N, C-alpha and C. Protein backbone atom coordinates (compact mmCIF):
# COMPACT_ATOMS: atom_id res chain seq x y z
N MET A 1 -91.00 -109.70 -11.57
CA MET A 1 -90.62 -110.95 -10.90
C MET A 1 -90.08 -110.62 -9.51
N LYS A 2 -90.62 -111.26 -8.49
CA LYS A 2 -90.12 -111.08 -7.14
C LYS A 2 -88.76 -111.76 -7.00
N TYR A 3 -88.01 -111.38 -5.98
CA TYR A 3 -86.67 -111.93 -5.83
C TYR A 3 -86.65 -113.40 -5.46
N ASN A 4 -87.68 -113.89 -4.77
CA ASN A 4 -87.72 -115.33 -4.50
C ASN A 4 -87.92 -116.12 -5.79
N GLU A 5 -88.73 -115.61 -6.68
CA GLU A 5 -88.90 -116.27 -7.98
C GLU A 5 -87.59 -116.24 -8.77
N PHE A 6 -86.93 -115.09 -8.71
CA PHE A 6 -85.64 -114.96 -9.39
C PHE A 6 -84.61 -115.90 -8.76
N ARG A 7 -84.59 -115.97 -7.44
CA ARG A 7 -83.72 -116.91 -6.71
C ARG A 7 -83.91 -118.34 -7.22
N ASP A 8 -85.16 -118.76 -7.34
CA ASP A 8 -85.44 -120.13 -7.78
C ASP A 8 -85.00 -120.35 -9.22
N LEU A 9 -85.19 -119.33 -10.07
CA LEU A 9 -84.73 -119.42 -11.46
C LEU A 9 -83.22 -119.58 -11.51
N CYS A 10 -82.51 -118.75 -10.74
CA CYS A 10 -81.04 -118.82 -10.74
C CYS A 10 -80.54 -120.17 -10.28
N HIS A 11 -81.10 -120.65 -9.16
CA HIS A 11 -80.57 -121.89 -8.60
C HIS A 11 -80.96 -123.11 -9.41
N SER A 12 -82.18 -123.14 -9.92
CA SER A 12 -82.59 -124.30 -10.72
C SER A 12 -81.77 -124.39 -12.00
N THR A 13 -81.48 -123.25 -12.61
CA THR A 13 -80.66 -123.24 -13.83
C THR A 13 -79.23 -123.66 -13.51
N SER A 14 -78.69 -123.13 -12.43
CA SER A 14 -77.32 -123.46 -12.03
C SER A 14 -77.20 -124.94 -11.67
N HIS A 15 -78.16 -125.44 -10.92
CA HIS A 15 -78.12 -126.84 -10.52
C HIS A 15 -78.24 -127.76 -11.73
N ALA A 16 -79.12 -127.41 -12.67
CA ALA A 16 -79.30 -128.24 -13.87
C ALA A 16 -78.03 -128.28 -14.71
N CYS A 17 -77.24 -127.21 -14.66
CA CYS A 17 -75.99 -127.17 -15.42
C CYS A 17 -74.83 -127.83 -14.69
N GLY A 18 -75.08 -128.32 -13.46
CA GLY A 18 -74.07 -129.07 -12.74
C GLY A 18 -73.11 -128.26 -11.91
N TRP A 19 -73.44 -126.98 -11.64
CA TRP A 19 -72.51 -126.13 -10.91
C TRP A 19 -72.45 -126.46 -9.42
N TRP A 20 -73.40 -127.23 -8.92
CA TRP A 20 -73.40 -127.59 -7.50
C TRP A 20 -73.00 -129.04 -7.29
N ARG A 21 -72.45 -129.66 -8.27
CA ARG A 21 -72.02 -131.04 -8.11
C ARG A 21 -70.95 -131.12 -7.01
N GLY A 22 -71.11 -132.07 -6.11
CA GLY A 22 -70.21 -132.18 -4.97
C GLY A 22 -70.75 -131.51 -3.73
N ALA A 23 -71.87 -130.78 -3.87
CA ALA A 23 -72.45 -130.10 -2.72
C ALA A 23 -73.52 -130.94 -2.04
N GLU A 24 -73.76 -132.14 -2.54
CA GLU A 24 -74.80 -132.97 -1.96
C GLU A 24 -74.42 -133.42 -0.56
N ARG A 25 -75.41 -133.52 0.29
CA ARG A 25 -75.19 -134.03 1.64
C ARG A 25 -75.32 -135.55 1.62
N TYR A 26 -74.50 -136.20 2.41
CA TYR A 26 -74.45 -137.65 2.38
C TYR A 26 -75.00 -138.26 3.66
N GLY A 27 -76.31 -138.58 3.63
CA GLY A 27 -76.93 -139.31 4.72
C GLY A 27 -76.68 -138.67 6.07
N SER A 28 -76.24 -139.48 7.03
CA SER A 28 -76.07 -139.01 8.40
C SER A 28 -74.61 -138.71 8.72
N ASP A 29 -73.79 -138.55 7.71
CA ASP A 29 -72.37 -138.27 7.94
C ASP A 29 -72.22 -136.83 8.44
N ALA A 30 -72.21 -136.67 9.75
CA ALA A 30 -72.18 -135.33 10.33
C ALA A 30 -70.86 -134.62 10.09
N ASP A 31 -69.82 -135.37 9.76
CA ASP A 31 -68.52 -134.76 9.53
C ASP A 31 -68.40 -134.13 8.15
N TYR A 32 -69.33 -134.48 7.26
CA TYR A 32 -69.25 -133.94 5.91
C TYR A 32 -70.15 -132.71 5.80
N ASP A 33 -69.56 -131.58 5.61
CA ASP A 33 -70.30 -130.32 5.49
C ASP A 33 -69.92 -129.63 4.19
N PRO A 34 -70.69 -129.86 3.12
CA PRO A 34 -70.33 -129.27 1.83
C PRO A 34 -70.38 -127.75 1.84
N ASP A 35 -71.18 -127.18 2.74
CA ASP A 35 -71.31 -125.72 2.75
C ASP A 35 -70.03 -125.03 3.20
N ARG A 36 -69.21 -125.71 3.99
CA ARG A 36 -68.04 -125.08 4.59
C ARG A 36 -67.13 -124.46 3.53
N LEU A 37 -67.02 -125.10 2.38
CA LEU A 37 -66.21 -124.56 1.29
C LEU A 37 -67.07 -123.97 0.18
N ASN A 38 -68.23 -124.55 -0.06
CA ASN A 38 -69.05 -124.10 -1.19
C ASN A 38 -69.55 -122.67 -1.04
N ILE A 39 -70.05 -122.32 0.14
CA ILE A 39 -70.64 -120.99 0.29
C ILE A 39 -69.59 -119.89 0.21
N PRO A 40 -68.45 -119.97 0.91
CA PRO A 40 -67.42 -118.95 0.72
C PRO A 40 -66.95 -118.85 -0.73
N THR A 41 -66.90 -119.99 -1.43
CA THR A 41 -66.51 -119.95 -2.84
C THR A 41 -67.53 -119.18 -3.67
N LYS A 42 -68.81 -119.43 -3.42
CA LYS A 42 -69.86 -118.72 -4.17
C LYS A 42 -69.81 -117.23 -3.89
N ILE A 43 -69.54 -116.84 -2.65
CA ILE A 43 -69.44 -115.41 -2.33
C ILE A 43 -68.19 -114.80 -2.94
N ALA A 44 -67.11 -115.57 -3.02
CA ALA A 44 -65.90 -115.08 -3.68
C ALA A 44 -66.19 -114.75 -5.14
N LEU A 45 -67.08 -115.52 -5.75
CA LEU A 45 -67.43 -115.26 -7.14
C LEU A 45 -68.24 -113.96 -7.29
N VAL A 46 -68.93 -113.55 -6.22
CA VAL A 46 -69.58 -112.24 -6.22
C VAL A 46 -68.52 -111.15 -6.37
N HIS A 47 -67.43 -111.29 -5.62
CA HIS A 47 -66.33 -110.32 -5.74
C HIS A 47 -65.82 -110.25 -7.18
N THR A 48 -65.72 -111.41 -7.83
CA THR A 48 -65.25 -111.44 -9.22
C THR A 48 -66.17 -110.65 -10.14
N GLU A 49 -67.49 -110.84 -9.97
CA GLU A 49 -68.45 -110.12 -10.82
C GLU A 49 -68.41 -108.62 -10.54
N VAL A 50 -68.24 -108.25 -9.28
CA VAL A 50 -68.15 -106.83 -8.93
C VAL A 50 -66.92 -106.20 -9.59
N ARG A 51 -65.80 -106.91 -9.55
CA ARG A 51 -64.59 -106.38 -10.19
C ARG A 51 -64.81 -106.19 -11.69
N GLU A 52 -65.48 -107.14 -12.32
CA GLU A 52 -65.74 -107.03 -13.75
C GLU A 52 -66.70 -105.87 -14.04
N ALA A 53 -67.66 -105.65 -13.15
CA ALA A 53 -68.55 -104.49 -13.32
C ALA A 53 -67.74 -103.20 -13.28
N HIS A 54 -66.76 -103.14 -12.40
CA HIS A 54 -65.92 -101.94 -12.30
C HIS A 54 -65.08 -101.76 -13.55
N ASP A 55 -64.56 -102.86 -14.10
CA ASP A 55 -63.79 -102.76 -15.34
C ASP A 55 -64.64 -102.15 -16.45
N PHE A 56 -65.89 -102.62 -16.57
CA PHE A 56 -66.77 -102.08 -17.60
C PHE A 56 -67.17 -100.64 -17.29
N TYR A 57 -67.32 -100.33 -16.00
CA TYR A 57 -67.60 -98.95 -15.60
C TYR A 57 -66.50 -98.02 -16.09
N LEU A 58 -65.26 -98.47 -15.95
CA LEU A 58 -64.13 -97.64 -16.37
C LEU A 58 -64.03 -97.53 -17.88
N SER A 59 -64.33 -98.63 -18.59
CA SER A 59 -64.18 -98.62 -20.05
C SER A 59 -65.41 -98.06 -20.76
N GLY A 60 -66.58 -98.19 -20.15
CA GLY A 60 -67.82 -97.76 -20.78
C GLY A 60 -68.27 -98.65 -21.93
N GLU A 61 -67.66 -99.82 -22.05
CA GLU A 61 -67.98 -100.70 -23.17
C GLU A 61 -69.22 -101.55 -22.90
N ASN A 62 -69.78 -102.09 -23.98
CA ASN A 62 -70.88 -103.03 -23.86
C ASN A 62 -70.35 -104.42 -23.52
N ASP A 63 -71.27 -105.28 -23.11
CA ASP A 63 -70.89 -106.61 -22.64
C ASP A 63 -70.41 -107.50 -23.78
N ASP A 64 -69.55 -108.46 -23.43
CA ASP A 64 -69.04 -109.41 -24.42
C ASP A 64 -70.09 -110.43 -24.83
N HIS A 65 -70.90 -110.87 -23.88
CA HIS A 65 -71.87 -111.93 -24.14
C HIS A 65 -73.24 -111.39 -24.57
N LEU A 66 -73.63 -110.25 -24.02
CA LEU A 66 -74.86 -109.58 -24.42
C LEU A 66 -74.47 -108.22 -24.97
N PRO A 67 -73.98 -108.17 -26.20
CA PRO A 67 -73.36 -106.95 -26.73
C PRO A 67 -74.30 -105.76 -26.89
N HIS A 68 -75.61 -106.00 -26.78
CA HIS A 68 -76.56 -104.89 -26.86
C HIS A 68 -76.80 -104.26 -25.49
N ARG A 69 -76.14 -104.79 -24.46
CA ARG A 69 -76.30 -104.29 -23.09
C ARG A 69 -74.99 -103.67 -22.59
N PRO A 70 -75.10 -102.61 -21.76
CA PRO A 70 -73.88 -102.06 -21.15
C PRO A 70 -73.19 -103.13 -20.29
N GLY A 71 -71.88 -103.23 -20.42
CA GLY A 71 -71.16 -104.26 -19.69
C GLY A 71 -71.33 -104.15 -18.19
N ALA A 72 -71.32 -102.92 -17.65
CA ALA A 72 -71.47 -102.75 -16.21
C ALA A 72 -72.82 -103.27 -15.74
N ALA A 73 -73.86 -103.06 -16.54
CA ALA A 73 -75.20 -103.53 -16.17
C ALA A 73 -75.26 -105.04 -16.15
N VAL A 74 -74.66 -105.68 -17.15
CA VAL A 74 -74.68 -107.14 -17.22
C VAL A 74 -73.89 -107.75 -16.07
N GLU A 75 -72.77 -107.15 -15.71
CA GLU A 75 -71.99 -107.68 -14.60
C GLU A 75 -72.71 -107.50 -13.27
N LEU A 76 -73.44 -106.41 -13.11
CA LEU A 76 -74.27 -106.27 -11.92
C LEU A 76 -75.38 -107.31 -11.93
N GLY A 77 -75.87 -107.65 -13.12
CA GLY A 77 -76.80 -108.77 -13.22
C GLY A 77 -76.16 -110.05 -12.75
N ASP A 78 -74.90 -110.27 -13.13
CA ASP A 78 -74.18 -111.46 -12.67
C ASP A 78 -74.03 -111.47 -11.15
N VAL A 79 -73.84 -110.29 -10.57
CA VAL A 79 -73.73 -110.19 -9.11
C VAL A 79 -75.00 -110.75 -8.46
N VAL A 80 -76.16 -110.29 -8.92
CA VAL A 80 -77.40 -110.75 -8.27
C VAL A 80 -77.75 -112.18 -8.66
N ILE A 81 -77.26 -112.65 -9.83
CA ILE A 81 -77.42 -114.06 -10.17
C ILE A 81 -76.66 -114.93 -9.17
N ARG A 82 -75.44 -114.52 -8.84
CA ARG A 82 -74.65 -115.27 -7.85
C ARG A 82 -75.36 -115.28 -6.49
N VAL A 83 -75.90 -114.13 -6.11
CA VAL A 83 -76.64 -114.06 -4.85
C VAL A 83 -77.88 -114.94 -4.90
N GLY A 84 -78.63 -114.87 -6.01
CA GLY A 84 -79.84 -115.67 -6.15
C GLY A 84 -79.55 -117.15 -6.11
N ASP A 85 -78.48 -117.56 -6.77
CA ASP A 85 -78.10 -118.97 -6.79
C ASP A 85 -77.77 -119.45 -5.38
N THR A 86 -76.98 -118.67 -4.66
CA THR A 86 -76.60 -119.03 -3.29
C THR A 86 -77.82 -119.06 -2.38
N ALA A 87 -78.67 -118.05 -2.50
CA ALA A 87 -79.89 -118.00 -1.68
C ALA A 87 -80.81 -119.18 -1.99
N GLY A 88 -80.85 -119.58 -3.26
CA GLY A 88 -81.67 -120.73 -3.62
C GLY A 88 -81.17 -122.01 -3.00
N TYR A 89 -79.86 -122.20 -3.02
CA TYR A 89 -79.27 -123.39 -2.42
C TYR A 89 -79.54 -123.46 -0.92
N LEU A 90 -79.43 -122.31 -0.26
CA LEU A 90 -79.62 -122.26 1.19
C LEU A 90 -81.08 -122.04 1.59
N GLN A 91 -81.95 -121.89 0.59
CA GLN A 91 -83.38 -121.67 0.82
C GLN A 91 -83.64 -120.43 1.68
N ILE A 92 -82.94 -119.38 1.34
CA ILE A 92 -83.11 -118.09 2.01
C ILE A 92 -84.28 -117.34 1.39
N ASP A 93 -85.08 -116.71 2.22
CA ASP A 93 -86.16 -115.85 1.74
C ASP A 93 -85.52 -114.55 1.26
N LEU A 94 -85.23 -114.47 -0.03
CA LEU A 94 -84.50 -113.32 -0.55
C LEU A 94 -85.36 -112.07 -0.58
N ASP A 95 -86.67 -112.22 -0.80
CA ASP A 95 -87.56 -111.06 -0.73
C ASP A 95 -87.48 -110.42 0.65
N ALA A 96 -87.53 -111.25 1.69
CA ALA A 96 -87.46 -110.73 3.06
C ALA A 96 -86.11 -110.09 3.34
N ALA A 97 -85.03 -110.71 2.85
CA ALA A 97 -83.70 -110.17 3.07
C ALA A 97 -83.54 -108.80 2.42
N VAL A 98 -84.11 -108.65 1.22
CA VAL A 98 -84.03 -107.37 0.51
C VAL A 98 -84.85 -106.31 1.23
N GLU A 99 -86.07 -106.65 1.59
CA GLU A 99 -86.93 -105.66 2.23
C GLU A 99 -86.39 -105.26 3.61
N ALA A 100 -85.70 -106.17 4.27
CA ALA A 100 -85.18 -105.89 5.61
C ALA A 100 -84.12 -104.80 5.61
N VAL A 101 -83.46 -104.58 4.46
CA VAL A 101 -82.35 -103.62 4.43
C VAL A 101 -82.65 -102.37 3.60
N ARG A 102 -83.78 -102.31 2.93
CA ARG A 102 -84.05 -101.13 2.10
C ARG A 102 -84.02 -99.85 2.93
N GLY A 103 -84.57 -99.92 4.12
CA GLY A 103 -84.61 -98.74 4.97
C GLY A 103 -83.24 -98.23 5.35
N GLU A 104 -82.26 -99.13 5.43
CA GLU A 104 -80.89 -98.70 5.75
C GLU A 104 -80.37 -97.72 4.71
N PHE A 105 -80.70 -97.98 3.46
CA PHE A 105 -80.21 -97.12 2.38
C PHE A 105 -80.97 -95.80 2.37
N ARG A 106 -82.30 -95.87 2.60
CA ARG A 106 -83.09 -94.63 2.64
C ARG A 106 -82.60 -93.71 3.76
N ALA A 107 -82.20 -94.31 4.87
CA ALA A 107 -81.74 -93.54 6.01
C ALA A 107 -80.27 -93.14 5.91
N GLY A 108 -79.58 -93.57 4.85
CA GLY A 108 -78.18 -93.23 4.68
C GLY A 108 -77.26 -93.90 5.69
N ARG A 109 -77.67 -95.06 6.19
CA ARG A 109 -76.87 -95.72 7.23
C ARG A 109 -75.52 -96.22 6.73
N HIS A 110 -75.37 -96.34 5.43
CA HIS A 110 -74.11 -96.80 4.88
C HIS A 110 -73.24 -95.64 4.42
N GLY A 111 -73.54 -94.45 4.94
CA GLY A 111 -72.73 -93.29 4.61
C GLY A 111 -73.04 -92.77 3.22
N ASP A 112 -72.24 -91.83 2.75
CA ASP A 112 -72.49 -91.21 1.45
C ASP A 112 -71.61 -91.79 0.36
N ILE A 113 -70.89 -92.89 0.67
CA ILE A 113 -69.92 -93.39 -0.30
C ILE A 113 -70.59 -93.79 -1.61
N MET A 114 -71.84 -94.28 -1.54
CA MET A 114 -72.50 -94.69 -2.78
C MET A 114 -73.42 -93.59 -3.33
N TRP A 115 -73.58 -92.50 -2.58
CA TRP A 115 -74.48 -91.44 -3.03
C TRP A 115 -73.73 -90.25 -3.62
N ARG A 116 -72.46 -90.14 -3.33
CA ARG A 116 -71.69 -88.96 -3.69
C ARG A 116 -71.51 -88.87 -5.21
N SER A 117 -71.75 -87.70 -5.77
CA SER A 117 -71.56 -87.50 -7.20
C SER A 117 -70.08 -87.36 -7.53
N ASN A 118 -69.71 -87.83 -8.71
CA ASN A 118 -68.35 -87.62 -9.18
C ASN A 118 -68.18 -86.18 -9.64
N SER A 119 -66.95 -85.74 -9.74
CA SER A 119 -66.70 -84.38 -10.21
C SER A 119 -66.98 -84.26 -11.70
N SER A 120 -66.98 -85.38 -12.40
CA SER A 120 -67.33 -85.39 -13.82
C SER A 120 -68.36 -86.50 -14.03
N PRO A 121 -69.17 -86.41 -15.11
CA PRO A 121 -70.20 -87.42 -15.33
C PRO A 121 -69.60 -88.82 -15.42
N SER A 122 -70.32 -89.78 -14.90
CA SER A 122 -69.86 -91.17 -14.95
C SER A 122 -70.98 -92.06 -15.42
N GLN A 123 -70.63 -93.28 -15.81
CA GLN A 123 -71.65 -94.22 -16.27
C GLN A 123 -72.62 -94.55 -15.15
N PHE A 124 -72.20 -94.41 -13.90
CA PHE A 124 -73.07 -94.72 -12.78
C PHE A 124 -73.87 -93.50 -12.33
N GLY A 125 -73.97 -92.50 -13.20
CA GLY A 125 -74.81 -91.35 -12.92
C GLY A 125 -74.43 -90.65 -11.64
N GLY A 126 -75.41 -90.41 -10.76
CA GLY A 126 -75.18 -89.67 -9.53
C GLY A 126 -74.43 -90.45 -8.48
N TYR A 127 -74.24 -91.74 -8.70
CA TYR A 127 -73.46 -92.51 -7.74
C TYR A 127 -71.97 -92.32 -8.01
N SER A 128 -71.18 -92.39 -6.95
CA SER A 128 -69.74 -92.47 -7.13
C SER A 128 -69.44 -93.89 -7.57
N GLY A 129 -69.04 -94.07 -8.83
CA GLY A 129 -68.87 -95.41 -9.37
C GLY A 129 -67.95 -96.28 -8.54
N SER A 130 -66.74 -95.81 -8.31
CA SER A 130 -65.79 -96.62 -7.56
C SER A 130 -66.24 -96.80 -6.12
N GLY A 131 -66.90 -95.81 -5.55
CA GLY A 131 -67.41 -95.94 -4.19
C GLY A 131 -68.48 -97.00 -4.09
N SER A 132 -69.37 -97.03 -5.08
CA SER A 132 -70.41 -98.06 -5.09
C SER A 132 -69.81 -99.44 -5.20
N ILE A 133 -68.80 -99.58 -6.05
CA ILE A 133 -68.15 -100.87 -6.23
C ILE A 133 -67.46 -101.30 -4.93
N LEU A 134 -66.79 -100.36 -4.27
CA LEU A 134 -66.15 -100.68 -3.01
C LEU A 134 -67.17 -101.17 -1.99
N GLN A 135 -68.33 -100.51 -1.95
CA GLN A 135 -69.35 -100.91 -0.99
C GLN A 135 -69.89 -102.30 -1.30
N LEU A 136 -70.04 -102.64 -2.57
CA LEU A 136 -70.47 -104.00 -2.93
C LEU A 136 -69.44 -105.03 -2.45
N HIS A 137 -68.16 -104.73 -2.62
CA HIS A 137 -67.12 -105.62 -2.10
C HIS A 137 -67.24 -105.76 -0.58
N ASN A 138 -67.50 -104.64 0.08
CA ASN A 138 -67.63 -104.68 1.54
C ASN A 138 -68.79 -105.57 1.97
N PHE A 139 -69.92 -105.45 1.29
CA PHE A 139 -71.08 -106.27 1.64
C PHE A 139 -70.80 -107.75 1.41
N ALA A 140 -70.09 -108.07 0.32
CA ALA A 140 -69.74 -109.47 0.06
C ALA A 140 -68.79 -109.99 1.14
N ALA A 141 -67.83 -109.15 1.55
CA ALA A 141 -66.92 -109.55 2.63
C ALA A 141 -67.69 -109.75 3.93
N ASP A 142 -68.67 -108.90 4.18
CA ASP A 142 -69.51 -109.05 5.38
C ASP A 142 -70.25 -110.39 5.34
N ALA A 143 -70.73 -110.77 4.16
CA ALA A 143 -71.44 -112.04 4.04
C ALA A 143 -70.53 -113.21 4.36
N THR A 144 -69.30 -113.16 3.87
CA THR A 144 -68.35 -114.24 4.15
C THR A 144 -68.06 -114.35 5.64
N GLU A 145 -67.85 -113.22 6.29
CA GLU A 145 -67.56 -113.23 7.71
C GLU A 145 -68.77 -113.70 8.52
N ALA A 146 -69.96 -113.28 8.13
CA ALA A 146 -71.16 -113.71 8.83
C ALA A 146 -71.36 -115.22 8.70
N PHE A 147 -71.08 -115.76 7.50
CA PHE A 147 -71.21 -117.20 7.32
C PHE A 147 -70.18 -117.93 8.18
N ARG A 148 -68.95 -117.43 8.19
CA ARG A 148 -67.89 -118.07 8.97
C ARG A 148 -68.24 -118.07 10.46
N SER A 149 -68.91 -117.01 10.90
CA SER A 149 -69.24 -116.86 12.32
C SER A 149 -70.58 -117.49 12.68
N GLY A 150 -71.26 -118.04 11.70
CA GLY A 150 -72.56 -118.66 11.97
C GLY A 150 -73.67 -117.68 12.25
N LYS A 151 -73.53 -116.43 11.77
CA LYS A 151 -74.55 -115.39 11.99
C LYS A 151 -75.50 -115.37 10.79
N THR A 152 -76.49 -116.25 10.83
CA THR A 152 -77.37 -116.45 9.68
C THR A 152 -78.12 -115.18 9.30
N ASP A 153 -78.68 -114.49 10.28
CA ASP A 153 -79.45 -113.28 9.97
C ASP A 153 -78.58 -112.23 9.30
N GLU A 154 -77.37 -112.04 9.79
CA GLU A 154 -76.48 -111.05 9.20
C GLU A 154 -76.02 -111.48 7.81
N PHE A 155 -75.81 -112.77 7.62
CA PHE A 155 -75.47 -113.28 6.29
C PHE A 155 -76.59 -112.94 5.30
N ASN A 156 -77.83 -113.21 5.71
CA ASN A 156 -78.97 -112.92 4.83
C ASN A 156 -79.07 -111.44 4.53
N ARG A 157 -78.87 -110.61 5.55
CA ARG A 157 -78.94 -109.17 5.35
C ARG A 157 -77.83 -108.67 4.44
N SER A 158 -76.66 -109.27 4.54
CA SER A 158 -75.56 -108.88 3.65
C SER A 158 -75.90 -109.19 2.19
N LEU A 159 -76.51 -110.35 1.96
CA LEU A 159 -76.96 -110.67 0.60
C LEU A 159 -78.01 -109.66 0.14
N GLY A 160 -78.93 -109.30 1.04
CA GLY A 160 -79.94 -108.30 0.70
C GLY A 160 -79.32 -106.96 0.33
N ARG A 161 -78.27 -106.57 1.06
CA ARG A 161 -77.60 -105.29 0.77
C ARG A 161 -76.94 -105.31 -0.60
N ILE A 162 -76.35 -106.44 -0.97
CA ILE A 162 -75.74 -106.55 -2.30
C ILE A 162 -76.80 -106.34 -3.38
N VAL A 163 -77.95 -106.97 -3.20
CA VAL A 163 -79.03 -106.85 -4.19
C VAL A 163 -79.54 -105.42 -4.26
N VAL A 164 -79.80 -104.81 -3.11
CA VAL A 164 -80.38 -103.46 -3.11
C VAL A 164 -79.43 -102.44 -3.72
N LEU A 165 -78.13 -102.50 -3.38
CA LEU A 165 -77.20 -101.54 -3.97
C LEU A 165 -77.06 -101.76 -5.47
N SER A 166 -77.02 -103.01 -5.91
CA SER A 166 -76.98 -103.29 -7.36
C SER A 166 -78.22 -102.72 -8.04
N GLU A 167 -79.34 -102.87 -7.40
CA GLU A 167 -80.61 -102.35 -7.91
C GLU A 167 -80.58 -100.83 -8.00
N LEU A 168 -80.08 -100.18 -6.96
CA LEU A 168 -80.04 -98.71 -6.94
C LEU A 168 -79.12 -98.16 -8.03
N ILE A 169 -77.98 -98.79 -8.21
CA ILE A 169 -77.06 -98.35 -9.27
C ILE A 169 -77.76 -98.45 -10.62
N CYS A 170 -78.44 -99.57 -10.84
CA CYS A 170 -79.11 -99.77 -12.13
C CYS A 170 -80.26 -98.79 -12.30
N GLU A 171 -81.03 -98.56 -11.27
CA GLU A 171 -82.15 -97.61 -11.36
C GLU A 171 -81.64 -96.22 -11.74
N ARG A 172 -80.54 -95.80 -11.15
CA ARG A 172 -80.00 -94.47 -11.42
C ARG A 172 -79.59 -94.32 -12.89
N ASN A 173 -79.23 -95.45 -13.51
CA ASN A 173 -78.77 -95.42 -14.90
C ASN A 173 -79.82 -95.86 -15.91
N GLY A 174 -81.04 -96.14 -15.43
CA GLY A 174 -82.10 -96.54 -16.34
C GLY A 174 -81.98 -97.96 -16.83
N TRP A 175 -81.30 -98.81 -16.06
CA TRP A 175 -81.14 -100.22 -16.43
C TRP A 175 -82.11 -101.07 -15.62
N ASP A 176 -82.76 -102.00 -16.27
CA ASP A 176 -83.69 -102.91 -15.61
C ASP A 176 -82.90 -104.12 -15.13
N LEU A 177 -82.53 -104.11 -13.86
CA LEU A 177 -81.64 -105.14 -13.32
C LEU A 177 -82.19 -106.54 -13.49
N LEU A 178 -83.46 -106.76 -13.14
CA LEU A 178 -84.00 -108.11 -13.23
C LEU A 178 -84.19 -108.56 -14.68
N ALA A 179 -84.55 -107.65 -15.56
CA ALA A 179 -84.69 -108.02 -16.97
C ALA A 179 -83.34 -108.45 -17.55
N ILE A 180 -82.31 -107.69 -17.24
CA ILE A 180 -80.96 -108.01 -17.71
C ILE A 180 -80.49 -109.32 -17.08
N SER A 181 -80.77 -109.50 -15.80
CA SER A 181 -80.35 -110.71 -15.10
C SER A 181 -81.04 -111.94 -15.66
N ARG A 182 -82.33 -111.85 -15.92
CA ARG A 182 -83.07 -112.98 -16.50
C ARG A 182 -82.52 -113.33 -17.88
N GLU A 183 -82.20 -112.30 -18.65
CA GLU A 183 -81.62 -112.53 -19.97
C GLU A 183 -80.27 -113.25 -19.86
N LYS A 184 -79.47 -112.88 -18.87
CA LYS A 184 -78.17 -113.51 -18.69
C LYS A 184 -78.32 -114.95 -18.20
N VAL A 185 -79.31 -115.21 -17.33
CA VAL A 185 -79.56 -116.59 -16.89
C VAL A 185 -79.90 -117.47 -18.08
N ALA A 186 -80.77 -116.97 -18.96
CA ALA A 186 -81.15 -117.74 -20.14
C ALA A 186 -79.95 -117.98 -21.05
N TYR A 187 -79.11 -116.98 -21.19
CA TYR A 187 -77.91 -117.14 -22.00
C TYR A 187 -76.96 -118.16 -21.37
N ASN A 188 -76.79 -118.07 -20.06
CA ASN A 188 -75.88 -118.99 -19.38
C ASN A 188 -76.33 -120.45 -19.53
N ALA A 189 -77.63 -120.66 -19.60
CA ALA A 189 -78.17 -122.02 -19.66
C ALA A 189 -77.77 -122.74 -20.96
N ILE A 190 -77.42 -121.98 -22.00
CA ILE A 190 -77.12 -122.60 -23.29
C ILE A 190 -75.71 -122.31 -23.80
N ARG A 191 -74.93 -121.54 -23.04
CA ARG A 191 -73.62 -121.15 -23.56
C ARG A 191 -72.67 -122.34 -23.58
N GLU A 192 -71.80 -122.34 -24.56
CA GLU A 192 -70.95 -123.49 -24.83
C GLU A 192 -70.02 -123.80 -23.67
N ASP A 193 -69.39 -122.78 -23.09
CA ASP A 193 -68.40 -123.03 -22.04
C ASP A 193 -69.03 -123.42 -20.70
N HIS A 194 -70.37 -123.44 -20.63
CA HIS A 194 -71.06 -123.89 -19.42
C HIS A 194 -71.56 -125.33 -19.55
N LYS A 195 -71.40 -125.93 -20.71
CA LYS A 195 -71.86 -127.30 -20.88
C LYS A 195 -70.95 -128.24 -20.10
N ARG A 196 -71.55 -129.29 -19.51
CA ARG A 196 -70.78 -130.18 -18.64
C ARG A 196 -69.59 -130.80 -19.35
N GLN A 197 -69.81 -131.25 -20.58
CA GLN A 197 -68.72 -131.94 -21.27
C GLN A 197 -67.57 -130.99 -21.58
N VAL A 198 -67.88 -129.73 -21.80
CA VAL A 198 -66.84 -128.73 -22.05
C VAL A 198 -66.10 -128.42 -20.75
N ARG A 199 -66.83 -128.29 -19.66
CA ARG A 199 -66.20 -127.99 -18.38
C ARG A 199 -65.34 -129.15 -17.87
N GLU A 200 -65.73 -130.36 -18.22
CA GLU A 200 -64.97 -131.53 -17.75
C GLU A 200 -63.69 -131.74 -18.55
N ALA A 201 -63.56 -131.08 -19.69
CA ALA A 201 -62.34 -131.18 -20.48
C ALA A 201 -61.24 -130.32 -19.83
N GLU A 202 -60.01 -130.58 -20.23
CA GLU A 202 -58.89 -129.82 -19.66
C GLU A 202 -59.07 -128.32 -19.92
N GLY A 203 -58.89 -127.53 -18.89
CA GLY A 203 -59.04 -126.10 -19.02
C GLY A 203 -60.46 -125.60 -18.88
N GLY A 204 -61.42 -126.51 -18.63
CA GLY A 204 -62.82 -126.12 -18.48
C GLY A 204 -63.10 -125.46 -17.14
N LYS A 205 -64.19 -124.69 -17.08
CA LYS A 205 -64.57 -124.04 -15.83
C LYS A 205 -65.04 -125.10 -14.83
N ILE A 206 -64.62 -124.94 -13.59
CA ILE A 206 -65.00 -125.94 -12.58
C ILE A 206 -65.93 -125.36 -11.51
N ILE A 207 -66.02 -124.02 -11.39
CA ILE A 207 -66.92 -123.42 -10.40
C ILE A 207 -67.67 -122.26 -11.03
């Protein structure tokens, strides 16, 4: 599955579950800009998924929702689901964004922080686990700043970097990132705590 197809799957599922309610544009009201808060919020959720991936990296445990999958792999799947959902909403060509930055990694332009081996074996194989996680946080922060500054191309490239690094970590560990991500999207579409009536109750998830 190409990333644009994955993008559309993520966003259509998310939209159908009501996660973008309130993001609609209202006619010619130029003062109403739903993206001003929605997009930084969606990128903040990328940080949340990255942190959870690191927690599972440290524990080595399997995922809570997909217990047959390594937790770190599923959380990296959640990272790219968040990216796909955001790219779908903004109609970003995610395939182009990913391909635009692959060469940066081949050329080592992001330094050795994600390539350096740990002194002892880690779940992230030849990658420095914590270094890779830090770099994912950095790319998400770059995306937020690019959006705030109106730098569309850099925002798109930052999303591409998040996807490529998540992909590289998974490849090094023998995890099929898109297969795991598609499985998590399907699970999210039917999970109890994602149903609208559950979310609308007190204590329900709102974003």
